[in-house]
Amino acid sequence: MNQPVHLGLGSNVGDPLETLTAAVEVLHEIDGFAVTDVSGVYETPPWPPPDDPRSVTQDPYLNMVVAGVTTLSPDALLGETQLVEAAFGRDRSKEVRWGPRTLDIDLLLVGDTVLDTPVLTLPHPRLAERAFVLVPLLEVMPGGMLPDGRRLTRLLLELGPLEDIDLVVRLEDVPGARASRPEGPTGPPATFSRPVQDEQASDQGSPPGAMP
């Protein structure tokens, strides 16, 4: 049975935009998984922030969220996404935690699945702490909520004013959907520098401040 899936993608090594675009195509080719929608691509500072003792000096990230459907189990889907990461040069045996990534793919949500094992936690354990995940997630999941009933708009509001989340571009199409995507911004990227209007974002179907 198909169930909805939301994946967080990030990259800050090489040509991140090219990597993310290609990764969406590769994900769509996974047996038992199909891409149904993609968010815009956002530039954000690396996480943790520079004043955090865990931080690592590195370039800004490009981040996006991919929505899809799958017949795979969460563990099987995790294995497939890790193969995609490896295909783009990620070597988990040599990397620094929260360091630079050629490609990082996180399972954010798999339907209403709640899971906590040594290899996988669902929903993603830090989803509610990261505006760079919530902003694109809300874009492809308007009015969305976590399995525990918390609304995405409420989680964004609790993070306070959103800064340094810049819309870079929107992908032109979604693999398999054969639907044209909105055109990218023609002016400077949008910056989320004011508080989120709590429920307004879910009504409009996109995060406040995003380019139309």
Protein backbone atom coordinates (compact mmCIF):
# COMPACT_ATOMS: atom_id res chain seq x y z
CA MET A 1 0.00 0.00 0.00
CA ASN A 2 1.30 3.44 -0.93
CA GLN A 3 1.98 5.82 1.93
CA PRO A 4 3.17 9.42 1.76
CA VAL A 5 6.82 10.22 2.41
CA HIS A 6 8.68 13.49 2.92
CA LEU A 7 12.44 13.61 2.48
CA GLY A 8 14.79 16.47 3.38
CA LEU A 9 17.68 16.97 0.95
CA GLY A 10 20.75 19.12 1.58
CA SER A 11 24.11 19.75 -0.10
CA ASN A 12 27.01 22.19 0.33
CA VAL A 13 29.89 20.55 -1.54
CA GLY A 14 30.68 20.92 -5.26
CA ASP A 15 27.66 22.21 -7.21
CA PRO A 16 24.82 21.78 -4.69
CA LEU A 17 22.04 22.87 -7.05
CA GLU A 18 23.14 20.39 -9.71
CA THR A 19 23.42 17.68 -7.05
CA LEU A 20 19.93 18.29 -5.69
CA THR A 21 18.36 18.40 -9.14
CA ALA A 22 20.02 15.14 -10.14
CA ALA A 23 19.19 13.51 -6.80
CA VAL A 24 15.46 14.16 -7.29
CA GLU A 25 15.65 12.32 -10.62
CA VAL A 26 17.53 9.40 -9.08
CA LEU A 27 15.10 9.14 -6.16
CA HIS A 28 12.22 8.87 -8.62
CA GLU A 29 13.89 5.82 -10.16
CA ILE A 30 13.87 3.86 -6.89
CA ASP A 31 11.67 0.77 -7.15
CA GLY A 32 8.71 1.31 -4.86
CA PHE A 33 9.12 5.07 -4.56
CA ALA A 34 7.79 7.92 -6.71
CA VAL A 35 8.31 11.67 -6.40
CA THR A 36 5.04 13.59 -6.32
CA ASP A 37 6.19 17.14 -5.49
CA VAL A 38 9.26 19.20 -4.69
CA SER A 39 9.72 22.39 -2.72
CA GLY A 40 11.78 25.34 -3.77
CA VAL A 41 15.52 25.23 -3.12
CA TYR A 42 16.58 27.38 -0.16
CA GLU A 43 20.03 28.60 0.88
CA THR A 44 20.63 28.46 4.61
CA PRO A 45 23.62 28.69 6.95
CA PRO A 46 25.10 25.40 8.13
CA TRP A 47 23.67 23.80 11.25
CA PRO A 48 24.58 23.96 14.13
CA PRO A 49 25.10 27.76 14.08
CA PRO A 50 28.63 29.21 14.47
CA ASP A 51 28.15 30.00 18.17
CA ASP A 52 27.39 26.34 18.90
CA PRO A 53 30.44 24.36 20.13
CA ARG A 54 29.43 21.52 17.80
CA SER A 55 29.62 23.73 14.69
CA VAL A 56 32.02 23.05 11.82
CA THR A 57 33.36 25.72 9.45
CA GLN A 58 31.74 25.10 6.08
CA ASP A 59 29.83 26.69 3.21
CA PRO A 60 26.09 27.46 3.32
CA TYR A 61 23.70 24.67 2.40
CA LEU A 62 21.10 24.36 -0.28
CA ASN A 63 18.06 22.58 1.14
CA MET A 64 14.76 21.29 -0.21
CA VAL A 65 12.01 18.81 0.59
CA VAL A 66 10.82 16.05 -1.72
CA ALA A 67 7.32 14.62 -1.30
CA GLY A 68 6.60 11.14 -2.57
CA VAL A 69 4.73 7.90 -2.11
CA THR A 70 6.23 4.52 -1.35
CA THR A 71 5.39 0.86 -0.91
CA LEU A 72 8.70 0.30 0.88
CA SER A 73 9.12 -0.12 4.63
CA PRO A 74 10.87 2.79 6.38
CA ASP A 75 14.02 0.69 6.87
CA ALA A 76 14.08 -0.32 3.22
CA LEU A 77 13.55 3.26 2.08
CA LEU A 78 16.37 4.41 4.38
CA GLY A 79 18.67 1.85 2.76
CA GLU A 80 17.74 3.10 -0.71
CA THR A 81 18.33 6.75 0.18
CA GLN A 82 21.73 5.90 1.65
CA LEU A 83 22.66 4.22 -1.64
CA VAL A 84 21.69 7.43 -3.44
CA GLU A 85 23.87 9.45 -1.03
CA ALA A 86 26.80 7.13 -1.72
CA ALA A 87 26.26 7.46 -5.47
CA PHE A 88 26.80 11.21 -5.09
CA GLY A 89 30.04 10.74 -3.16
CA ARG A 90 28.98 10.59 0.47
CA ASP A 91 31.29 8.40 2.57
CA ARG A 92 29.88 8.05 6.07
CA SER A 93 33.08 6.38 7.34
CA LYS A 94 35.13 9.54 6.72
CA GLU A 95 32.75 12.39 7.46
CA VAL A 96 32.53 14.68 10.47
CA ARG A 97 29.18 14.86 12.26
CA TRP A 98 27.28 17.96 11.05
CA GLY A 99 30.15 18.61 8.63
CA PRO A 100 30.07 19.27 4.88
CA ARG A 101 27.94 16.96 2.74
CA THR A 102 27.92 16.21 -0.95
CA LEU A 103 24.35 14.99 -0.38
CA ASP A 104 22.33 14.44 2.78
CA ILE A 105 18.91 12.76 2.60
CA ASP A 106 16.81 12.62 5.76
CA LEU A 107 13.58 10.71 6.18
CA LEU A 108 11.41 13.38 7.76
CA LEU A 109 8.00 11.72 7.73
CA VAL A 110 6.69 8.37 6.49
CA GLY A 111 2.93 8.70 6.73
CA ASP A 112 1.89 8.63 10.38
CA THR A 113 4.66 6.20 11.31
CA VAL A 114 6.23 6.72 14.73
CA LEU A 115 9.46 4.78 15.10
CA ASP A 116 12.49 4.83 17.38
CA THR A 117 15.19 2.26 16.64
CA PRO A 118 19.00 2.38 16.71
CA VAL A 119 19.04 3.16 12.97
CA LEU A 120 15.92 5.25 12.35
CA THR A 121 13.66 7.64 14.25
CA LEU A 122 10.39 8.90 12.74
CA PRO A 123 9.39 11.65 12.58
CA HIS A 124 12.93 12.97 12.22
CA PRO A 125 14.02 13.80 15.78
CA ARG A 126 15.16 17.35 15.01
CA LEU A 127 12.47 18.27 12.50
CA ALA A 128 10.70 20.67 14.86
CA GLU A 129 13.97 22.51 15.65
CA ARG A 130 14.97 23.37 12.10
CA ALA A 131 13.35 26.16 10.15
CA PHE A 132 15.35 25.16 7.08
CA VAL A 133 13.37 21.90 7.11
CA LEU A 134 9.99 23.26 8.17
CA VAL A 135 9.84 26.05 5.57
CA PRO A 136 10.19 23.79 2.50
CA LEU A 137 8.16 21.03 4.21
CA LEU A 138 5.24 23.41 4.70
CA GLU A 139 5.50 24.35 1.03
CA VAL A 140 4.74 20.78 -0.12
CA MET A 141 2.56 19.90 2.90
CA PRO A 142 0.29 22.93 3.39
CA GLY A 143 -1.83 22.57 6.50
CA GLY A 144 0.36 19.64 7.50
CA MET A 145 0.89 18.26 10.96
CA LEU A 146 3.06 15.70 12.71
CA PRO A 147 1.66 12.34 13.88
CA ASP A 148 1.31 13.81 17.40
CA GLY A 149 -1.01 16.53 16.08
CA ARG A 150 1.41 19.48 16.12
CA ARG A 151 0.85 21.73 13.12
CA LEU A 152 3.83 22.79 10.99
CA THR A 153 2.74 26.43 11.16
CA ARG A 154 2.73 26.29 14.97
CA LEU A 155 6.22 24.76 15.03
CA LEU A 156 7.51 27.58 12.80
CA LEU A 157 5.89 30.19 15.01
CA GLU A 158 7.60 28.72 18.07
CA LEU A 159 11.00 29.12 16.39
CA GLY A 160 10.49 32.88 16.36
CA PRO A 161 11.50 35.27 13.54
CA LEU A 162 12.95 33.36 10.60
CA GLU A 163 16.18 34.70 9.16
CA ASP A 164 18.72 33.58 6.58
CA ILE A 165 16.37 31.28 4.70
CA ASP A 166 16.63 32.48 1.11
CA LEU A 167 14.64 31.05 -1.79
CA VAL A 168 17.17 30.38 -4.54
CA VAL A 169 15.13 28.73 -7.29
CA ARG A 170 12.21 26.42 -8.00
CA LEU A 171 12.81 23.30 -10.07
CA GLU A 172 11.16 23.47 -13.45
CA ASP A 173 9.33 20.17 -13.22
CA VAL A 174 8.62 17.20 -11.00
CA PRO A 175 9.82 13.80 -12.26
CA GLY A 176 6.86 11.64 -13.19
CA ALA A 177 4.26 14.31 -12.53
CA ARG A 178 4.57 15.92 -15.98
CA ALA A 179 3.44 19.19 -14.46
CA SER A 180 5.16 22.52 -14.95
CA ARG A 181 6.59 24.03 -11.79
CA PRO A 182 6.24 27.74 -10.93
CA GLU A 183 8.87 29.99 -12.42
CA GLY A 184 11.81 30.93 -10.26
CA PRO A 185 12.17 34.37 -8.70
CA THR A 186 13.11 37.23 -11.02
CA GLY A 187 14.34 39.51 -8.24
CA PRO A 188 16.45 39.05 -5.12
CA PRO A 189 15.74 35.86 -3.12
CA ALA A 190 13.05 36.10 -0.47
CA THR A 191 14.37 36.36 3.08
CA PHE A 192 12.28 35.12 6.00
CA SER A 193 12.98 37.92 8.44
CA ARG A 194 9.64 38.43 10.13
CA PRO A 195 7.49 36.25 12.42
CA VAL A 196 5.32 33.63 10.76
CA GLN A 197 1.61 34.38 10.68
CA ASP A 198 0.41 31.31 12.56
CA GLU A 199 -2.39 29.77 10.51
CA GLN A 200 -2.13 32.04 7.45
CA ALA A 201 0.65 30.00 5.91
CA SER A 202 -1.39 26.80 5.86
CA ASP A 203 -4.36 28.61 4.30
CA GLN A 204 -2.23 30.01 1.51
CA GLY A 205 -0.44 26.73 0.82
CA SER A 206 3.08 28.18 1.05
CA PRO A 207 5.32 29.63 3.76
CA PRO A 208 4.96 33.36 4.34
CA GLY A 209 7.50 35.41 2.43
CA ALA A 210 8.00 32.78 -0.31
CA MET A 211 8.03 33.98 -3.89
CA PRO A 212 4.75 33.22 -5.69
